[in-house]
Amino acid sequence: MAHTSEWKRVVEQAIVETGTRNSVPQKIYQPYTEADRLRYVRGVVLKATIFFCSNHSVEWGMSLEDALKLRLKHLKDKDEPMFIGCGPSISLRIQWPGYPAWTTQIRTMDFKNPKGPITKMKLAKNIANCVRRFIETMNRRSMEEDSDPRWKVGQRHIQVKDLILVSLHNVSKGSWQPQLRLR
């Protein structure tokens, strides 16, 4: 499937100038049943991957910490509207190794005046907030048995400040998954 190839291509070809090339080894979300995979993945045209890059660097990705603090003046196409013609929200899915699959909703519309789709800058901040909530939630849980402890999240382990948002992938109709790497 094209979206699976795209996910792997981003991991392999991402330009990294600083930090590590260590991408979080998430499994790509798939609906549980064959009928749902047909209905929500193979039977639809998935949207293009959204990349988060700086205007001042060729490196792919941006700090989630910067996104939380809205230090995004150098985000390429920061004011570009996202999810034009989509519904009022998307499902953001995180498939972090060693933890149960996690999903939450992100609004695709900004209800400020004038009302319209959220911008790439707002999307980056929303994703950063979702990853922060995921880490806070999983910090209170043990990792699944036989998990690699290098991917443990929470205090004294991987935190938002340690992560780079590289891209956001449409993995099924209405579902998107962020590709993250370590700083």
N, C-alpha and C. Protein backbone atom coordinates (compact mmCIF):
# COMPACT_ATOMS: atom_id res chain seq x y z
N MET A 1 0.84 -1.19 0.00
CA MET A 1 0.00 0.00 0.00
C MET A 1 0.88 1.25 0.00
N ALA A 2 0.44 2.25 -0.70
CA ALA A 2 1.25 3.46 -0.90
C ALA A 2 1.57 4.16 0.42
N HIS A 3 0.61 4.22 1.35
CA HIS A 3 0.87 4.95 2.59
C HIS A 3 1.91 4.23 3.45
N THR A 4 1.97 2.92 3.38
CA THR A 4 2.98 2.16 4.11
C THR A 4 4.36 2.42 3.52
N SER A 5 4.44 2.44 2.20
CA SER A 5 5.71 2.74 1.53
C SER A 5 6.18 4.15 1.87
N GLU A 6 5.25 5.09 1.91
CA GLU A 6 5.58 6.49 2.24
C GLU A 6 6.14 6.58 3.65
N TRP A 7 5.53 5.86 4.59
CA TRP A 7 5.99 5.86 5.99
C TRP A 7 7.45 5.40 6.04
N LYS A 8 7.74 4.29 5.38
CA LYS A 8 9.10 3.74 5.38
C LYS A 8 10.07 4.67 4.66
N ARG A 9 9.63 5.29 3.58
CA ARG A 9 10.48 6.21 2.84
C ARG A 9 10.90 7.39 3.70
N VAL A 10 9.97 7.91 4.48
CA VAL A 10 10.30 9.05 5.34
C VAL A 10 11.36 8.66 6.37
N VAL A 11 11.23 7.48 6.96
CA VAL A 11 12.22 7.02 7.93
C VAL A 11 13.59 6.89 7.27
N GLU A 12 13.63 6.32 6.09
CA GLU A 12 14.89 6.06 5.40
C GLU A 12 15.53 7.30 4.79
N GLN A 13 14.72 8.23 4.30
CA GLN A 13 15.26 9.34 3.53
C GLN A 13 15.23 10.69 4.24
N ALA A 14 14.72 10.73 5.46
CA ALA A 14 14.64 12.01 6.17
C ALA A 14 16.03 12.63 6.29
N ILE A 15 16.10 13.92 6.06
CA ILE A 15 17.36 14.65 6.20
C ILE A 15 17.49 15.08 7.65
N VAL A 16 18.58 14.65 8.29
CA VAL A 16 18.82 14.95 9.70
C VAL A 16 20.17 15.63 9.80
N GLU A 17 20.19 16.87 10.31
CA GLU A 17 21.45 17.60 10.50
C GLU A 17 21.89 17.56 11.96
N THR A 18 20.93 17.56 12.87
CA THR A 18 21.25 17.54 14.29
C THR A 18 20.46 16.42 14.95
N GLY A 19 20.94 15.95 16.07
CA GLY A 19 20.23 14.89 16.78
C GLY A 19 20.47 13.53 16.15
N THR A 20 19.55 12.63 16.39
CA THR A 20 19.71 11.25 15.95
C THR A 20 18.82 10.94 14.75
N ARG A 21 19.07 9.80 14.15
CA ARG A 21 18.20 9.29 13.09
C ARG A 21 17.23 8.27 13.68
N ASN A 22 17.15 8.18 15.00
CA ASN A 22 16.32 7.17 15.66
C ASN A 22 14.84 7.57 15.62
N SER A 23 14.12 7.00 14.67
CA SER A 23 12.67 7.21 14.61
C SER A 23 12.00 6.30 15.63
N VAL A 24 10.91 6.78 16.20
CA VAL A 24 10.12 5.94 17.10
C VAL A 24 9.54 4.81 16.24
N PRO A 25 9.84 3.55 16.57
CA PRO A 25 9.42 2.44 15.70
C PRO A 25 7.95 2.05 15.90
N GLN A 26 7.08 2.95 15.48
CA GLN A 26 5.65 2.68 15.59
C GLN A 26 5.20 1.73 14.48
N LYS A 27 4.25 0.88 14.82
CA LYS A 27 3.55 0.13 13.77
C LYS A 27 2.56 1.10 13.15
N ILE A 28 2.31 0.95 11.87
CA ILE A 28 1.33 1.80 11.21
C ILE A 28 -0.06 1.31 11.59
N TYR A 29 -0.90 2.23 12.03
CA TYR A 29 -2.27 1.88 12.41
C TYR A 29 -3.00 1.23 11.23
N GLN A 30 -3.77 0.18 11.56
CA GLN A 30 -4.67 -0.45 10.60
C GLN A 30 -5.99 -0.75 11.31
N PRO A 31 -7.10 -0.56 10.64
CA PRO A 31 -8.37 -1.01 11.23
C PRO A 31 -8.30 -2.51 11.52
N TYR A 32 -9.06 -2.97 12.49
CA TYR A 32 -8.95 -4.34 12.99
C TYR A 32 -9.45 -5.40 12.02
N THR A 33 -10.56 -5.14 11.33
CA THR A 33 -11.12 -6.19 10.48
C THR A 33 -10.76 -5.98 9.02
N GLU A 34 -10.78 -7.05 8.26
CA GLU A 34 -10.50 -6.97 6.82
C GLU A 34 -11.52 -6.07 6.12
N ALA A 35 -12.78 -6.18 6.55
CA ALA A 35 -13.82 -5.34 5.95
C ALA A 35 -13.54 -3.86 6.19
N ASP A 36 -13.12 -3.52 7.41
CA ASP A 36 -12.80 -2.13 7.71
C ASP A 36 -11.54 -1.66 6.99
N ARG A 37 -10.55 -2.55 6.82
CA ARG A 37 -9.35 -2.18 6.05
C ARG A 37 -9.73 -1.87 4.61
N LEU A 38 -10.64 -2.65 4.06
CA LEU A 38 -11.11 -2.39 2.70
C LEU A 38 -11.87 -1.07 2.64
N ARG A 39 -12.76 -0.83 3.60
CA ARG A 39 -13.61 0.36 3.61
C ARG A 39 -12.83 1.64 3.92
N TYR A 40 -11.87 1.57 4.84
CA TYR A 40 -11.22 2.79 5.32
C TYR A 40 -9.78 3.00 4.84
N VAL A 41 -9.19 1.99 4.18
CA VAL A 41 -7.82 2.16 3.69
C VAL A 41 -7.75 1.91 2.19
N ARG A 42 -8.03 0.70 1.78
CA ARG A 42 -7.89 0.36 0.36
C ARG A 42 -8.99 0.97 -0.50
N GLY A 43 -10.15 1.23 0.07
CA GLY A 43 -11.28 1.75 -0.70
C GLY A 43 -11.37 3.27 -0.74
N VAL A 44 -10.37 3.96 -0.25
CA VAL A 44 -10.40 5.43 -0.24
C VAL A 44 -9.07 5.97 -0.78
N VAL A 45 -9.10 7.23 -1.14
CA VAL A 45 -7.86 7.91 -1.53
C VAL A 45 -7.38 8.66 -0.29
N LEU A 46 -6.24 8.22 0.24
CA LEU A 46 -5.69 8.86 1.43
C LEU A 46 -5.02 10.17 1.05
N LYS A 47 -5.03 11.12 1.98
CA LYS A 47 -4.46 12.45 1.75
C LYS A 47 -2.92 12.37 1.77
N ALA A 48 -2.29 13.37 1.19
CA ALA A 48 -0.83 13.45 1.15
C ALA A 48 -0.26 13.64 2.55
N THR A 49 0.94 13.13 2.74
CA THR A 49 1.66 13.30 4.00
C THR A 49 1.97 14.78 4.21
N ILE A 50 1.88 15.21 5.46
CA ILE A 50 2.19 16.59 5.84
C ILE A 50 3.58 16.57 6.50
N PHE A 51 4.50 17.37 5.98
CA PHE A 51 5.86 17.43 6.52
C PHE A 51 6.04 18.70 7.34
N PHE A 52 6.84 18.59 8.38
CA PHE A 52 7.13 19.72 9.27
C PHE A 52 8.61 20.05 9.14
N CYS A 53 8.92 21.13 8.45
CA CYS A 53 10.30 21.54 8.17
C CYS A 53 10.45 23.02 8.46
N SER A 54 11.70 23.44 8.60
CA SER A 54 12.02 24.84 8.83
C SER A 54 12.36 25.53 7.51
N ASN A 55 12.07 26.82 7.44
CA ASN A 55 12.48 27.62 6.28
C ASN A 55 14.00 27.80 6.24
N HIS A 56 14.68 27.60 7.38
CA HIS A 56 16.11 27.89 7.48
C HIS A 56 16.99 26.65 7.55
N SER A 57 16.45 25.50 7.22
CA SER A 57 17.22 24.27 7.31
C SER A 57 16.66 23.27 6.32
N VAL A 58 17.50 22.36 5.88
CA VAL A 58 17.02 21.28 5.01
C VAL A 58 16.57 20.08 5.83
N GLU A 59 16.79 20.16 7.14
CA GLU A 59 16.43 19.05 8.03
C GLU A 59 14.92 18.86 8.08
N TRP A 60 14.50 17.61 8.09
CA TRP A 60 13.08 17.29 8.22
C TRP A 60 12.73 17.21 9.70
N GLY A 61 11.69 17.92 10.10
CA GLY A 61 11.21 17.82 11.47
C GLY A 61 11.37 19.10 12.25
N MET A 62 10.62 19.15 13.35
CA MET A 62 10.68 20.29 14.27
C MET A 62 10.45 19.79 15.68
N SER A 63 11.00 20.48 16.61
CA SER A 63 10.91 20.11 18.02
C SER A 63 9.46 20.20 18.52
N LEU A 64 9.02 19.15 19.21
CA LEU A 64 7.69 19.22 19.82
C LEU A 64 7.65 20.27 20.93
N GLU A 65 8.78 20.45 21.60
CA GLU A 65 8.86 21.47 22.65
C GLU A 65 8.63 22.86 22.04
N ASP A 66 9.24 23.14 20.89
CA ASP A 66 9.00 24.41 20.21
C ASP A 66 7.54 24.56 19.80
N ALA A 67 6.94 23.47 19.34
CA ALA A 67 5.53 23.52 18.94
C ALA A 67 4.64 23.85 20.14
N LEU A 68 4.92 23.24 21.29
CA LEU A 68 4.11 23.53 22.49
C LEU A 68 4.20 25.00 22.88
N LYS A 69 5.37 25.58 22.71
CA LYS A 69 5.59 26.97 23.11
C LYS A 69 5.36 27.95 21.95
N LEU A 70 4.83 27.43 20.84
CA LEU A 70 4.56 28.22 19.63
C LEU A 70 5.79 29.00 19.15
N ARG A 71 6.96 28.37 19.29
CA ARG A 71 8.19 28.94 18.72
C ARG A 71 8.31 28.38 17.31
N LEU A 72 7.43 28.86 16.43
CA LEU A 72 7.30 28.27 15.10
C LEU A 72 7.42 29.29 13.97
N LYS A 73 8.09 30.40 14.24
CA LYS A 73 8.16 31.43 13.19
C LYS A 73 8.92 30.94 11.96
N HIS A 74 9.75 29.90 12.10
CA HIS A 74 10.51 29.39 10.95
C HIS A 74 9.89 28.13 10.34
N LEU A 75 8.72 27.72 10.84
CA LEU A 75 8.05 26.55 10.27
C LEU A 75 7.63 26.85 8.84
N LYS A 76 8.07 26.01 7.93
CA LYS A 76 7.74 26.20 6.52
C LYS A 76 6.23 26.08 6.32
N ASP A 77 5.63 27.03 5.63
CA ASP A 77 4.19 27.06 5.33
C ASP A 77 3.33 27.06 6.61
N LYS A 78 3.80 27.76 7.63
CA LYS A 78 3.13 27.75 8.94
C LYS A 78 1.68 28.24 8.89
N ASP A 79 1.36 29.13 7.96
CA ASP A 79 0.01 29.68 7.88
C ASP A 79 -0.87 28.95 6.86
N GLU A 80 -0.34 27.88 6.26
CA GLU A 80 -1.10 27.11 5.28
C GLU A 80 -2.27 26.39 5.96
N PRO A 81 -3.48 26.53 5.42
CA PRO A 81 -4.62 25.83 6.02
C PRO A 81 -4.51 24.31 5.79
N MET A 82 -4.85 23.56 6.80
CA MET A 82 -4.80 22.10 6.75
C MET A 82 -6.22 21.53 6.74
N PHE A 83 -6.37 20.36 6.18
CA PHE A 83 -7.63 19.59 6.23
C PHE A 83 -8.81 20.33 5.59
N ILE A 84 -8.54 21.02 4.50
CA ILE A 84 -9.61 21.71 3.79
C ILE A 84 -10.59 20.66 3.25
N GLY A 85 -11.87 20.87 3.50
CA GLY A 85 -12.89 19.95 3.02
C GLY A 85 -13.04 18.69 3.84
N CYS A 86 -12.35 18.60 4.97
CA CYS A 86 -12.50 17.43 5.85
C CYS A 86 -13.59 17.71 6.88
N GLY A 87 -13.87 16.72 7.66
CA GLY A 87 -14.86 16.88 8.72
C GLY A 87 -14.33 17.77 9.84
N PRO A 88 -15.07 17.87 10.95
CA PRO A 88 -14.70 18.78 12.03
C PRO A 88 -13.50 18.31 12.86
N SER A 89 -13.12 17.01 12.72
CA SER A 89 -11.99 16.51 13.50
C SER A 89 -11.37 15.31 12.79
N ILE A 90 -10.16 14.97 13.25
CA ILE A 90 -9.48 13.76 12.80
C ILE A 90 -9.12 12.94 14.03
N SER A 91 -8.85 11.68 13.83
CA SER A 91 -8.31 10.83 14.89
C SER A 91 -6.80 10.84 14.76
N LEU A 92 -6.12 11.17 15.84
CA LEU A 92 -4.66 11.09 15.88
C LEU A 92 -4.31 9.79 16.59
N ARG A 93 -3.50 8.97 15.95
CA ARG A 93 -3.17 7.64 16.48
C ARG A 93 -1.68 7.55 16.79
N ILE A 94 -1.38 7.01 17.95
CA ILE A 94 0.00 6.75 18.35
C ILE A 94 0.12 5.27 18.67
N GLN A 95 1.09 4.62 18.04
CA GLN A 95 1.32 3.19 18.20
C GLN A 95 2.73 3.01 18.80
N TRP A 96 2.95 3.58 19.95
CA TRP A 96 4.27 3.62 20.57
C TRP A 96 4.67 2.22 21.03
N PRO A 97 5.91 1.80 20.75
CA PRO A 97 6.32 0.45 21.14
C PRO A 97 6.28 0.26 22.66
N GLY A 98 5.70 -0.87 23.08
CA GLY A 98 5.62 -1.19 24.50
C GLY A 98 4.38 -0.69 25.21
N TYR A 99 3.51 0.02 24.49
CA TYR A 99 2.30 0.57 25.08
C TYR A 99 1.10 0.24 24.20
N PRO A 100 -0.11 0.24 24.80
CA PRO A 100 -1.29 -0.01 23.98
C PRO A 100 -1.53 1.11 22.97
N ALA A 101 -2.17 0.77 21.86
CA ALA A 101 -2.52 1.77 20.85
C ALA A 101 -3.32 2.89 21.53
N TRP A 102 -3.08 4.12 21.09
CA TRP A 102 -3.71 5.28 21.73
C TRP A 102 -4.26 6.19 20.64
N THR A 103 -5.43 6.72 20.88
CA THR A 103 -6.04 7.62 19.91
C THR A 103 -6.74 8.77 20.62
N THR A 104 -6.78 9.90 19.95
CA THR A 104 -7.50 11.07 20.44
C THR A 104 -7.98 11.87 19.24
N GLN A 105 -8.84 12.81 19.48
CA GLN A 105 -9.39 13.64 18.41
C GLN A 105 -8.70 15.00 18.39
N ILE A 106 -8.48 15.50 17.19
CA ILE A 106 -7.97 16.86 16.99
C ILE A 106 -8.97 17.59 16.10
N ARG A 107 -9.35 18.79 16.50
CA ARG A 107 -10.24 19.62 15.68
C ARG A 107 -9.50 20.05 14.42
N THR A 108 -10.21 20.06 13.31
CA THR A 108 -9.61 20.50 12.05
C THR A 108 -10.05 21.92 11.70
N MET A 109 -10.94 22.46 12.49
CA MET A 109 -11.44 23.82 12.24
C MET A 109 -11.01 24.74 13.38
N ASP A 110 -10.72 25.97 13.01
CA ASP A 110 -10.44 27.02 13.98
C ASP A 110 -11.69 27.88 14.02
N PHE A 111 -12.27 28.01 15.20
CA PHE A 111 -13.54 28.72 15.31
C PHE A 111 -13.37 30.19 15.67
N LYS A 112 -12.13 30.69 15.57
CA LYS A 112 -11.91 32.12 15.77
C LYS A 112 -12.38 32.85 14.53
N ASN A 113 -12.45 34.16 14.64
CA ASN A 113 -12.91 34.97 13.53
C ASN A 113 -11.74 35.30 12.62
N PRO A 114 -11.70 34.97 11.36
CA PRO A 114 -12.74 34.25 10.64
C PRO A 114 -12.61 32.74 10.84
N LYS A 115 -13.73 32.08 10.85
CA LYS A 115 -13.77 30.63 11.00
C LYS A 115 -13.14 29.98 9.77
N GLY A 116 -12.36 28.93 9.98
CA GLY A 116 -11.74 28.24 8.85
C GLY A 116 -10.90 27.07 9.32
N PRO A 117 -10.24 26.40 8.39
CA PRO A 117 -9.39 25.27 8.75
C PRO A 117 -8.22 25.72 9.62
N ILE A 118 -7.73 24.83 10.46
CA ILE A 118 -6.55 25.17 11.27
C ILE A 118 -5.33 25.29 10.36
N THR A 119 -4.35 26.03 10.82
CA THR A 119 -3.11 26.21 10.07
C THR A 119 -2.12 25.10 10.44
N LYS A 120 -1.07 25.00 9.66
CA LYS A 120 -0.03 24.02 9.96
C LYS A 120 0.59 24.30 11.34
N MET A 121 0.74 25.57 11.69
CA MET A 121 1.29 25.94 12.99
C MET A 121 0.39 25.43 14.12
N LYS A 122 -0.91 25.63 13.99
CA LYS A 122 -1.88 25.16 14.99
C LYS A 122 -1.89 23.63 15.04
N LEU A 123 -1.79 22.99 13.89
CA LEU A 123 -1.74 21.54 13.84
C LEU A 123 -0.52 21.02 14.59
N ALA A 124 0.65 21.63 14.37
CA ALA A 124 1.87 21.21 15.07
C ALA A 124 1.70 21.32 16.58
N LYS A 125 1.11 22.43 17.03
CA LYS A 125 0.88 22.60 18.48
C LYS A 125 -0.10 21.55 18.99
N ASN A 126 -1.16 21.27 18.24
CA ASN A 126 -2.14 20.26 18.66
C ASN A 126 -1.51 18.87 18.75
N ILE A 127 -0.67 18.53 17.78
CA ILE A 127 0.00 17.22 17.82
C ILE A 127 0.92 17.15 19.03
N ALA A 128 1.68 18.22 19.28
CA ALA A 128 2.58 18.25 20.44
C ALA A 128 1.80 18.07 21.74
N ASN A 129 0.64 18.73 21.85
CA ASN A 129 -0.20 18.56 23.04
C ASN A 129 -0.68 17.12 23.18
N CYS A 130 -1.04 16.50 22.07
CA CYS A 130 -1.51 15.11 22.10
C CYS A 130 -0.39 14.16 22.53
N VAL A 131 0.81 14.37 22.00
CA VAL A 131 1.94 13.52 22.39
C VAL A 131 2.25 13.74 23.87
N ARG A 132 2.17 14.97 24.35
CA ARG A 132 2.38 15.25 25.78
C ARG A 132 1.36 14.50 26.62
N ARG A 133 0.08 14.53 26.22
CA ARG A 133 -0.96 13.81 26.96
C ARG A 133 -0.73 12.30 26.93
N PHE A 134 -0.30 11.78 25.76
CA PHE A 134 0.02 10.36 25.65
C PHE A 134 1.11 10.00 26.65
N ILE A 135 2.19 10.78 26.70
CA ILE A 135 3.30 10.49 27.61
C ILE A 135 2.84 10.58 29.06
N GLU A 136 2.05 11.59 29.40
CA GLU A 136 1.53 11.71 30.78
C GLU A 136 0.67 10.52 31.15
N THR A 137 -0.16 10.05 30.22
CA THR A 137 -1.03 8.91 30.48
C THR A 137 -0.21 7.63 30.64
N MET A 138 0.72 7.39 29.74
CA MET A 138 1.49 6.15 29.77
C MET A 138 2.54 6.14 30.87
N ASN A 139 2.92 7.30 31.37
CA ASN A 139 3.86 7.40 32.48
C ASN A 139 3.33 6.67 33.72
N ARG A 140 2.00 6.60 33.83
CA ARG A 140 1.37 5.95 34.99
C ARG A 140 1.19 4.45 34.78
N ARG A 141 1.62 3.94 33.62
CA ARG A 141 1.46 2.52 33.29
C ARG A 141 2.80 1.85 33.14
N SER A 142 2.79 0.55 33.32
CA SER A 142 3.98 -0.24 33.01
C SER A 142 3.99 -0.54 31.53
N MET A 143 5.18 -0.73 31.01
CA MET A 143 5.29 -1.14 29.60
C MET A 143 4.79 -2.58 29.48
N GLU A 144 4.37 -2.95 28.28
CA GLU A 144 3.93 -4.32 28.03
C GLU A 144 5.10 -5.26 28.22
N GLU A 145 4.80 -6.48 28.59
CA GLU A 145 5.83 -7.48 28.83
C GLU A 145 6.71 -7.67 27.60
N ASP A 146 7.99 -7.89 27.82
CA ASP A 146 8.99 -8.11 26.76
C ASP A 146 9.19 -6.89 25.85
N SER A 147 8.88 -5.70 26.34
CA SER A 147 9.08 -4.47 25.55
C SER A 147 10.51 -3.98 25.71
N ASP A 148 10.96 -3.25 24.72
CA ASP A 148 12.29 -2.66 24.75
C ASP A 148 12.27 -1.44 25.68
N PRO A 149 12.99 -1.48 26.80
CA PRO A 149 12.94 -0.37 27.76
C PRO A 149 13.50 0.95 27.23
N ARG A 150 14.21 0.91 26.10
CA ARG A 150 14.71 2.17 25.52
C ARG A 150 13.58 3.09 25.11
N TRP A 151 12.36 2.54 24.91
CA TRP A 151 11.24 3.34 24.44
C TRP A 151 10.27 3.72 25.55
N LYS A 152 10.69 3.55 26.81
CA LYS A 152 9.85 3.93 27.95
C LYS A 152 9.66 5.45 27.94
N VAL A 153 8.45 5.88 28.20
CA VAL A 153 8.13 7.31 28.25
C VAL A 153 7.86 7.75 29.68
N GLY A 154 8.04 9.05 29.92
CA GLY A 154 7.72 9.62 31.22
C GLY A 154 8.95 10.23 31.88
N GLN A 155 8.79 10.60 33.14
CA GLN A 155 9.89 11.22 33.88
C GLN A 155 11.09 10.29 33.89
N ARG A 156 12.27 10.88 33.68
CA ARG A 156 13.55 10.15 33.61
C ARG A 156 13.62 9.21 32.41
N HIS A 157 12.71 9.36 31.48
CA HIS A 157 12.70 8.56 30.26
C HIS A 157 12.39 9.51 29.10
N ILE A 158 11.81 9.02 28.02
CA ILE A 158 11.51 9.88 26.87
C ILE A 158 10.38 10.84 27.22
N GLN A 159 10.63 12.12 26.96
CA GLN A 159 9.66 13.17 27.21
C GLN A 159 9.45 13.98 25.93
N VAL A 160 8.48 14.88 25.96
CA VAL A 160 8.19 15.71 24.80
C VAL A 160 9.44 16.45 24.34
N LYS A 161 10.24 16.95 25.26
CA LYS A 161 11.43 17.72 24.91
C LYS A 161 12.45 16.89 24.13
N ASP A 162 12.31 15.57 24.15
CA ASP A 162 13.24 14.67 23.47
C ASP A 162 12.80 14.31 22.06
N LEU A 163 11.68 14.85 21.60
CA LEU A 163 11.08 14.38 20.35
C LEU A 163 11.00 15.45 19.26
N ILE A 164 11.13 14.98 18.04
CA ILE A 164 11.00 15.79 16.83
C ILE A 164 9.80 15.26 16.05
N LEU A 165 8.92 16.16 15.63
CA LEU A 165 7.80 15.82 14.75
C LEU A 165 8.29 15.95 13.32
N VAL A 166 8.34 14.82 12.61
CA VAL A 166 8.85 14.81 11.23
C VAL A 166 7.71 14.99 10.24
N SER A 167 6.64 14.21 10.43
CA SER A 167 5.56 14.22 9.44
C SER A 167 4.28 13.69 10.08
N LEU A 168 3.19 13.86 9.35
CA LEU A 168 1.89 13.35 9.76
C LEU A 168 1.30 12.61 8.58
N HIS A 169 0.93 11.33 8.80
CA HIS A 169 0.50 10.45 7.72
C HIS A 169 -0.97 10.09 7.86
N ASN A 170 -1.69 10.17 6.76
CA ASN A 170 -3.07 9.71 6.69
C ASN A 170 -3.03 8.19 6.54
N VAL A 171 -3.35 7.47 7.62
CA VAL A 171 -3.19 6.01 7.63
C VAL A 171 -4.49 5.26 7.37
N SER A 172 -5.62 5.92 7.53
CA SER A 172 -6.92 5.38 7.13
C SER A 172 -7.88 6.57 7.09
N LYS A 173 -9.07 6.36 6.55
CA LYS A 173 -10.02 7.47 6.41
C LYS A 173 -10.26 8.10 7.78
N GLY A 174 -9.90 9.37 7.91
CA GLY A 174 -10.11 10.11 9.16
C GLY A 174 -9.06 9.88 10.22
N SER A 175 -8.09 9.00 9.99
CA SER A 175 -7.05 8.71 10.98
C SER A 175 -5.68 9.12 10.46
N TRP A 176 -4.94 9.78 11.33
CA TRP A 176 -3.62 10.28 11.01
C TRP A 176 -2.65 9.84 12.09
N GLN A 177 -1.40 9.61 11.71
CA GLN A 177 -0.40 9.14 12.67
C GLN A 177 0.88 9.96 12.50
N PRO A 178 1.38 10.52 13.62
CA PRO A 178 2.61 11.32 13.52
C PRO A 178 3.85 10.43 13.46
N GLN A 179 4.81 10.85 12.65
CA GLN A 179 6.10 10.16 12.64
C GLN A 179 7.04 11.00 13.48
N LEU A 180 7.63 10.37 14.49
CA LEU A 180 8.44 11.06 15.47
C LEU A 180 9.84 10.46 15.48
N ARG A 181 10.83 11.28 15.85
CA ARG A 181 12.17 10.77 16.05
C ARG A 181 12.76 11.42 17.30
N LEU A 182 13.80 10.79 17.83
CA LEU A 182 14.48 11.34 19.00
C LEU A 182 15.36 12.50 18.57
N ARG A 183 15.54 13.45 19.48
CA ARG A 183 16.44 14.59 19.22
C ARG A 183 17.87 14.14 19.31
